[in-house]
C-alpha atoms as a PDB file:
ATOM      1  CA  UNK A   1     -95.527   3.696-126.964  1.00  0.00           C
ATOM      2  CA  UNK A   2     -97.787   2.993-123.922  1.00  0.00           C
ATOM      3  CA  UNK A   3    -101.417   4.184-124.057  1.00  0.00           C
ATOM      4  CA  UNK A   4    -102.217   7.634-122.635  1.00  0.00           C
ATOM      5  CA  UNK A   5     -98.759   8.994-123.402  1.00  0.00           C
ATOM      6  CA  UNK A   6     -97.948  12.621-124.240  1.00  0.00           C
ATOM      7  CA  UNK A   7     -94.816  13.081-126.342  1.00  0.00           C
ATOM      8  CA  UNK A   8     -93.884  16.752-126.751  1.00  0.00           C
ATOM      9  CA  UNK A   9     -90.712  17.851-128.483  1.00  0.00           C
ATOM     10  CA  UNK A  10     -88.809  20.798-127.008  1.00  0.00           C
ATOM     11  CA  UNK A  11     -86.739  22.604-129.635  1.00  0.00           C
ATOM     12  CA  UNK A  12     -85.858  20.874-132.916  1.00  0.00           C
ATOM     13  CA  UNK A  13     -86.635  17.206-132.289  1.00  0.00           C
ATOM     14  CA  UNK A  14     -86.095  14.700-135.111  1.00  0.00           C
ATOM     15  CA  UNK A  15     -86.606  10.941-135.049  1.00  0.00           C
ATOM     16  CA  UNK A  16     -84.791   9.205-137.891  1.00  0.00           C
ATOM     17  CA  UNK A  17     -85.009   5.578-139.008  1.00  0.00           C
ATOM     18  CA  UNK A  18     -82.745   5.097-142.006  1.00  0.00           C
ATOM     19  CA  UNK A  19     -80.870   1.764-142.034  1.00  0.00           C
ATOM     20  CA  UNK A  20     -79.030   0.725-145.170  1.00  0.00           C
ATOM     21  CA  UNK A  21     -80.552  -2.108-147.173  1.00  0.00           C
ATOM     22  CA  UNK A  22     -77.939  -4.570-145.881  1.00  0.00           C
ATOM     23  CA  UNK A  23     -78.498  -3.488-142.269  1.00  0.00           C
ATOM     24  CA  UNK A  24     -82.114  -4.662-142.018  1.00  0.00           C
ATOM     25  CA  UNK A  25     -84.032  -7.762-143.067  1.00  0.00           C
ATOM     26  CA  UNK A  26     -87.097  -7.666-145.277  1.00  0.00           C
ATOM     27  CA  UNK A  27     -89.323  -8.716-142.369  1.00  0.00           C
ATOM     28  CA  UNK A  28     -87.843  -6.152-139.993  1.00  0.00           C
ATOM     29  CA  UNK A  29     -88.336  -3.370-142.533  1.00  0.00           C
ATOM     30  CA  UNK A  30     -92.046  -4.203-142.681  1.00  0.00           C
ATOM     31  CA  UNK A  31     -92.376  -4.323-138.882  1.00  0.00           C
ATOM     32  CA  UNK A  32     -90.417  -1.439-137.371  1.00  0.00           C
ATOM     33  CA  UNK A  33     -91.462   2.214-137.437  1.00  0.00           C
ATOM     34  CA  UNK A  34     -89.790   5.106-135.579  1.00  0.00           C
ATOM     35  CA  UNK A  35     -93.020   5.739-133.658  1.00  0.00           C
ATOM     36  CA  UNK A  36     -95.461   2.926-132.798  1.00  0.00           C
ATOM     37  CA  UNK A  37     -98.776   3.699-131.073  1.00  0.00           C
ATOM     38  CA  UNK A  38    -101.925   1.791-130.132  1.00  0.00           C
ATOM     39  CA  UNK A  39    -103.951   3.687-127.546  1.00  0.00           C
ATOM     40  CA  UNK A  40    -104.754   7.288-126.679  1.00  0.00           C
ATOM     41  CA  UNK A  41    -101.921   9.742-127.299  1.00  0.00           C
ATOM     42  CA  UNK A  42    -100.866  13.378-127.648  1.00  0.00           C
ATOM     43  CA  UNK A  43     -97.909  14.006-129.990  1.00  0.00           C
ATOM     44  CA  UNK A  44     -96.524  17.523-130.570  1.00  0.00           C
ATOM     45  CA  UNK A  45     -93.571  19.252-132.225  1.00  0.00           C
ATOM     46  CA  UNK A  46     -91.657  16.286-133.656  1.00  0.00           C
ATOM     47  CA  UNK A  47     -90.149  15.644-137.098  1.00  0.00           C
ATOM     48  CA  UNK A  48     -89.883  12.032-138.243  1.00  0.00           C
ATOM     49  CA  UNK A  49     -87.903  10.710-141.214  1.00  0.00           C
ATOM     50  CA  UNK A  50     -88.089   7.102-142.373  1.00  0.00           C
ATOM     51  CA  UNK A  51     -86.560   5.021-145.157  1.00  0.00           C
ATOM     52  CA  UNK A  52     -86.423   1.219-145.267  1.00  0.00           C
ATOM     53  CA  UNK A  53     -88.939   1.015-142.402  1.00  0.00           C
ATOM     54  CA  UNK A  54     -92.661   0.317-142.153  1.00  0.00           C
ATOM     55  CA  UNK A  55     -94.031   3.875-141.732  1.00  0.00           C
ATOM     56  CA  UNK A  56     -92.954   7.085-140.006  1.00  0.00           C
ATOM     57  CA  UNK A  57     -95.834   6.533-137.579  1.00  0.00           C
ATOM     58  CA  UNK A  58     -97.772   3.299-137.084  1.00  0.00           C
ATOM     59  CA  UNK A  59    -100.869   4.012-134.987  1.00  0.00           C
ATOM     60  CA  UNK A  60    -103.159   0.977-135.053  1.00  0.00           C
ATOM     61  CA  UNK A  61    -104.705  -0.777-132.056  1.00  0.00           C
ATOM     62  CA  UNK A  62    -106.714  -3.192-134.230  1.00  0.00           C
ATOM     63  CA  UNK A  63    -109.996  -1.867-132.802  1.00  0.00           C
ATOM     64  CA  UNK A  64    -108.979  -2.647-129.204  1.00  0.00           C
ATOM     65  CA  UNK A  65    -108.797   0.989-128.051  1.00  0.00           C
ATOM     66  CA  UNK A  66    -112.291   2.178-128.868  1.00  0.00           C
ATOM     67  CA  UNK A  67    -113.400   5.676-127.951  1.00  0.00           C
ATOM     68  CA  UNK A  68    -109.839   7.003-127.633  1.00  0.00           C
ATOM     69  CA  UNK A  69    -108.435  10.323-128.859  1.00  0.00           C
ATOM     70  CA  UNK A  70    -105.231  10.492-130.907  1.00  0.00           C
ATOM     71  CA  UNK A  71    -104.071  14.104-131.209  1.00  0.00           C
ATOM     72  CA  UNK A  72    -101.128  15.191-133.348  1.00  0.00           C
ATOM     73  CA  UNK A  73     -99.991  18.819-133.457  1.00  0.00           C
ATOM     74  CA  UNK A  74     -97.108  20.265-135.462  1.00  0.00           C
ATOM     75  CA  UNK A  75     -95.811  16.830-136.450  1.00  0.00           C
ATOM     76  CA  UNK A  76     -93.730  16.694-139.645  1.00  0.00           C
ATOM     77  CA  UNK A  77     -93.299  13.304-141.340  1.00  0.00           C
ATOM     78  CA  UNK A  78     -91.199  12.429-144.398  1.00  0.00           C
ATOM     79  CA  UNK A  79     -90.929   8.931-145.850  1.00  0.00           C
ATOM     80  CA  UNK A  80     -88.462   8.282-148.659  1.00  0.00           C
ATOM     81  CA  UNK A  81     -89.055   5.497-151.192  1.00  0.00           C
ATOM     82  CA  UNK A  82     -87.275   2.455-149.805  1.00  0.00           C
ATOM     83  CA  UNK A  83     -84.462   0.409-151.357  1.00  0.00           C
ATOM     84  CA  UNK A  84     -84.667  -3.154-152.628  1.00  0.00           C
ATOM     85  CA  UNK A  85     -82.860  -5.971-150.826  1.00  0.00           C
ATOM     86  CA  UNK A  86     -80.474  -8.532-152.295  1.00  0.00           C
ATOM     87  CA  UNK A  87     -83.455 -10.640-153.420  1.00  0.00           C
ATOM     88  CA  UNK A  88     -84.972  -7.684-155.274  1.00  0.00           C
ATOM     89  CA  UNK A  89     -87.778  -7.109-152.750  1.00  0.00           C
ATOM     90  CA  UNK A  90     -88.836  -3.556-151.944  1.00  0.00           C
ATOM     91  CA  UNK A  91     -88.199  -2.878-148.267  1.00  0.00           C
ATOM     92  CA  UNK A  92     -90.799  -1.249-145.999  1.00  0.00           C
ATOM     93  CA  UNK A  93     -94.471  -0.549-146.586  1.00  0.00           C
ATOM     94  CA  UNK A  94     -93.814   2.720-148.428  1.00  0.00           C
ATOM     95  CA  UNK A  95     -96.555   4.848-146.916  1.00  0.00           C
ATOM     96  CA  UNK A  96     -95.666   7.834-144.757  1.00  0.00           C
ATOM     97  CA  UNK A  97     -98.338   7.155-142.115  1.00  0.00           C
ATOM     98  CA  UNK A  98    -100.221   3.954-141.322  1.00  0.00           C
ATOM     99  CA  UNK A  99    -103.303   4.281-139.089  1.00  0.00           C
ATOM    100  CA  UNK A 100    -106.104   2.033-137.924  1.00  0.00           C
ATOM    101  CA  UNK A 101    -109.158   3.871-136.595  1.00  0.00           C
ATOM    102  CA  UNK A 102    -110.981   2.046-133.811  1.00  0.00           C
ATOM    103  CA  UNK A 103    -114.725   2.438-133.457  1.00  0.00           C
ATOM    104  CA  UNK A 104    -115.629   5.622-131.614  1.00  0.00           C
ATOM    105  CA  UNK A 105    -112.052   6.918-131.830  1.00  0.00           C
ATOM    106  CA  UNK A 106    -111.040  10.463-132.757  1.00  0.00           C
ATOM    107  CA  UNK A 107    -107.904  11.141-134.784  1.00  0.00           C
ATOM    108  CA  UNK A 108    -107.018  14.841-134.997  1.00  0.00           C
ATOM    109  CA  UNK A 109    -104.060  16.238-136.947  1.00  0.00           C
ATOM    110  CA  UNK A 110    -103.378  19.970-136.624  1.00  0.00           C
ATOM    111  CA  UNK A 111    -100.585  21.879-138.400  1.00  0.00           C
ATOM    112  CA  UNK A 112     -99.034  18.610-139.585  1.00  0.00           C
ATOM    113  CA  UNK A 113     -96.952  17.756-142.651  1.00  0.00           C
ATOM    114  CA  UNK A 114     -97.077  14.418-144.499  1.00  0.00           C
ATOM    115  CA  UNK A 115     -94.685  13.813-147.388  1.00  0.00           C
ATOM    116  CA  UNK A 116     -93.748  10.834-149.550  1.00  0.00           C
ATOM    117  CA  UNK A 117     -90.560  11.330-151.570  1.00  0.00           C
ATOM    118  CA  UNK A 118     -89.265   9.369-154.544  1.00  0.00           C
ATOM    119  CA  UNK A 119     -92.457   7.971-156.085  1.00  0.00           C
ATOM    120  CA  UNK A 120     -95.837   9.346-157.168  1.00  0.00           C
ATOM    121  CA  UNK A 121     -97.734   6.076-156.666  1.00  0.00           C
ATOM    122  CA  UNK A 122     -97.552   5.718-152.870  1.00  0.00           C
ATOM    123  CA  UNK A 123     -99.410   7.448-150.051  1.00  0.00           C
ATOM    124  CA  UNK A 124     -98.363  10.356-147.873  1.00  0.00           C
ATOM    125  CA  UNK A 125    -101.212   9.377-145.550  1.00  0.00           C
ATOM    126  CA  UNK A 126    -102.829   5.937-145.269  1.00  0.00           C
ATOM    127  CA  UNK A 127    -105.541   4.908-142.826  1.00  0.00           C
ATOM    128  CA  UNK A 128    -108.306   2.344-142.454  1.00  0.00           C
ATOM    129  CA  UNK A 129    -111.355   1.887-140.265  1.00  0.00           C
ATOM    130  CA  UNK A 130    -112.223  -1.221-138.200  1.00  0.00           C
ATOM    131  CA  UNK A 131    -115.193  -3.267-137.088  1.00  0.00           C
ATOM    132  CA  UNK A 132    -117.134  -6.452-137.697  1.00  0.00           C
ATOM    133  CA  UNK A 133    -120.053  -5.319-135.502  1.00  0.00           C
ATOM    134  CA  UNK A 134    -121.955  -1.985-135.561  1.00  0.00           C
ATOM    135  CA  UNK A 135    -120.389   0.595-133.271  1.00  0.00           C
ATOM    136  CA  UNK A 136    -120.130   4.302-132.525  1.00  0.00           C
ATOM    137  CA  UNK A 137    -119.119   6.807-135.170  1.00  0.00           C
ATOM    138  CA  UNK A 138    -115.408   7.597-135.554  1.00  0.00           C
ATOM    139  CA  UNK A 139    -113.742  10.891-136.511  1.00  0.00           C
ATOM    140  CA  UNK A 140    -110.749  11.761-138.683  1.00  0.00           C
ATOM    141  CA  UNK A 141    -109.924  15.476-138.738  1.00  0.00           C
ATOM    142  CA  UNK A 142    -107.151  17.426-140.469  1.00  0.00           C
ATOM    143  CA  UNK A 143    -106.688  21.142-139.750  1.00  0.00           C
ATOM    144  CA  UNK A 144    -104.056  23.246-141.548  1.00  0.00           C
ATOM    145  CA  UNK A 145    -102.202  20.165-142.795  1.00  0.00           C
ATOM    146  CA  UNK A 146    -100.057  19.586-145.888  1.00  0.00           C
ATOM    147  CA  UNK A 147     -99.999  16.365-147.913  1.00  0.00           C
ATOM    148  CA  UNK A 148     -97.250  16.013-150.533  1.00  0.00           C
ATOM    149  CA  UNK A 149     -97.234  12.934-152.724  1.00  0.00           C
ATOM    150  CA  UNK A 150     -96.684  14.304-156.220  1.00  0.00           C
ATOM    151  CA  UNK A 151     -99.119  16.356-158.286  1.00  0.00           C
ATOM    152  CA  UNK A 152    -100.004  13.373-160.480  1.00  0.00           C
ATOM    153  CA  UNK A 153    -100.388  10.940-157.593  1.00  0.00           C
ATOM    154  CA  UNK A 154    -104.006   9.697-157.401  1.00  0.00           C
ATOM    155  CA  UNK A 155    -103.500   8.227-153.913  1.00  0.00           C
ATOM    156  CA  UNK A 156    -101.617  10.865-151.932  1.00  0.00           C
ATOM    157  CA  UNK A 157    -104.284  10.340-149.246  1.00  0.00           C
ATOM    158  CA  UNK A 158    -105.616   6.772-149.095  1.00  0.00           C
ATOM    159  CA  UNK A 159    -108.690   5.955-147.011  1.00  0.00           C
ATOM    160  CA  UNK A 160    -109.123   2.198-146.954  1.00  0.00           C
ATOM    161  CA  UNK A 161    -112.265   0.325-145.964  1.00  0.00           C
ATOM    162  CA  UNK A 162    -111.748  -2.968-144.101  1.00  0.00           C
ATOM    163  CA  UNK A 163    -114.783  -3.050-141.802  1.00  0.00           C
ATOM    164  CA  UNK A 164    -117.574  -5.463-142.608  1.00  0.00           C
ATOM    165  CA  UNK A 165    -120.022  -3.674-140.269  1.00  0.00           C
ATOM    166  CA  UNK A 166    -122.100  -0.679-141.346  1.00  0.00           C
ATOM    167  CA  UNK A 167    -120.127   2.148-139.724  1.00  0.00           C
ATOM    168  CA  UNK A 168    -119.323   5.822-140.415  1.00  0.00           C
ATOM    169  CA  UNK A 169    -116.075   7.765-140.157  1.00  0.00           C
ATOM    170  CA  UNK A 170    -116.681  11.515-140.287  1.00  0.00           C
ATOM    171  CA  UNK A 171    -113.638  12.799-142.171  1.00  0.00           C
ATOM    172  CA  UNK A 172    -112.794  16.493-142.521  1.00  0.00           C
ATOM    173  CA  UNK A 173    -110.004  18.301-144.342  1.00  0.00           C
ATOM    174  CA  UNK A 174    -110.055  21.975-143.319  1.00  0.00           C
ATOM    175  CA  UNK A 175    -107.631  24.610-144.647  1.00  0.00           C
ATOM    176  CA  UNK A 176    -105.332  21.894-145.977  1.00  0.00           C
ATOM    177  CA  UNK A 177    -103.020  21.603-148.981  1.00  0.00           C
ATOM    178  CA  UNK A 178    -103.266  18.321-150.883  1.00  0.00           C
ATOM    179  CA  UNK A 179    -100.777  17.675-153.692  1.00  0.00           C
ATOM    180  CA  UNK A 180    -102.293  14.787-155.584  1.00  0.00           C
ATOM    181  CA  UNK A 181    -105.596  13.047-154.979  1.00  0.00           C
ATOM    182  CA  UNK A 182    -107.822  11.206-152.512  1.00  0.00           C
ATOM    183  CA  UNK A 183    -108.338   7.471-152.954  1.00  0.00           C
ATOM    184  CA  UNK A 184    -111.276   5.835-151.159  1.00  0.00           C
ATOM    185  CA  UNK A 185    -110.530   2.159-151.576  1.00  0.00           C
ATOM    186  CA  UNK A 186    -112.300  -1.040-150.553  1.00  0.00           C
ATOM    187  CA  UNK A 187    -110.074  -3.919-149.421  1.00  0.00           C
ATOM    188  CA  UNK A 188    -112.715  -6.626-149.040  1.00  0.00           C
ATOM    189  CA  UNK A 189    -115.742  -7.463-151.153  1.00  0.00           C
ATOM    190  CA  UNK A 190    -117.725  -7.662-147.907  1.00  0.00           C
ATOM    191  CA  UNK A 191    -116.900  -4.043-147.022  1.00  0.00           C
ATOM    192  CA  UNK A 192    -118.269  -0.713-148.274  1.00  0.00           C
ATOM    193  CA  UNK A 193    -117.390   2.969-148.233  1.00  0.00           C
ATOM    194  CA  UNK A 194    -117.511   4.229-144.640  1.00  0.00           C
ATOM    195  CA  UNK A 195    -115.563   7.510-144.885  1.00  0.00           C
ATOM    196  CA  UNK A 196    -117.910  10.504-145.016  1.00  0.00           C
ATOM    197  CA  UNK A 197    -115.470  13.087-146.414  1.00  0.00           C
ATOM    198  CA  UNK A 198    -115.763  16.886-146.390  1.00  0.00           C
ATOM    199  CA  UNK A 199    -113.018  18.926-148.084  1.00  0.00           C
ATOM    200  CA  UNK A 200    -113.362  22.447-146.703  1.00  0.00           C
ATOM    201  CA  UNK A 201    -111.247  25.331-148.020  1.00  0.00           C
ATOM    202  CA  UNK A 202    -108.667  22.767-149.170  1.00  0.00           C
ATOM    203  CA  UNK A 203    -108.773  23.081-152.944  1.00  0.00           C
ATOM    204  CA  UNK A 204    -110.306  20.569-155.298  1.00  0.00           C
ATOM    205  CA  UNK A 205    -108.129  17.431-155.282  1.00  0.00           C
ATOM    206  CA  UNK A 206    -109.188  14.627-157.642  1.00  0.00           C
ATOM    207  CA  UNK A 207    -111.084  11.767-156.010  1.00  0.00           C
ATOM    208  CA  UNK A 208    -110.959   8.087-156.926  1.00  0.00           C
ATOM    209  CA  UNK A 209    -113.608   5.827-155.358  1.00  0.00           C
ATOM    210  CA  UNK A 210    -113.999   2.054-155.464  1.00  0.00           C
ATOM    211  CA  UNK A 211    -117.614   0.963-156.076  1.00  0.00           C
ATOM    212  CA  UNK A 212    -118.880   4.516-156.680  1.00  0.00           C
ATOM    213  CA  UNK A 213    -122.319   3.170-157.539  1.00  0.00           C
ATOM    214  CA  UNK A 214    -122.683   1.891-153.950  1.00  0.00           C
ATOM    215  CA  UNK A 215    -121.164   4.911-152.211  1.00  0.00           C
ATOM    216  CA  UNK A 216    -123.640   6.490-149.791  1.00  0.00           C
ATOM    217  CA  UNK A 217    -121.166   9.185-148.748  1.00  0.00           C
ATOM    218  CA  UNK A 218    -120.304  11.348-151.774  1.00  0.00           C
ATOM    219  CA  UNK A 219    -117.264  13.554-151.143  1.00  0.00           C
ATOM    220  CA  UNK A 220    -118.347  17.137-150.342  1.00  0.00           C
ATOM    221  CA  UNK A 221    -116.343  20.249-151.264  1.00  0.00           C
ATOM    222  CA  UNK A 222    -116.966  23.449-149.332  1.00  0.00           C
ATOM    223  CA  UNK A 223    -115.432  26.928-149.548  1.00  0.00           C
END
């Protein structure tokens, strides 16, 4: 989708990507998503279903679109655990959402629904930050959102750290429902925890943190 696009559904709008295992190659299943975004966007009133694809929404500009706003309102996403191909490889990336947060960017999700069906060891929401040089603070905000990944799923929401620079992503869950837990994970040894998380009036989901001894942003719970 081109940068600076508004996509607003009128009525009951559903995007569906659901090829059979023999209708898509392994590489294609890990490339194609129903909705692909890089730059600034406004998305409202759309339901997206995906199986045997990359994600329902892939929004990652690889830090090229700094300072942009990505606003999602009343967006419902459901990803179903993908099939295996003839070689026994699991198709797709098997996360409902895949985001990359550029430096200085704002991602806002309001009244949204994120669901992973068919497995309790994959993520209903997955995102990562970006940056090899210091840059402006980024924001990740969820308001009145629902995350369903299975009650015993420790990684229903996965916040992954890739950046090697010392950055901060102010992350807020407000009036949300989280089935399962939050996983703050570090991908590279040269990275650190950069998500400064506040869980406000959103229950008390379990939290798993890589390198907790080095975490300068303890998760905060507020009522």
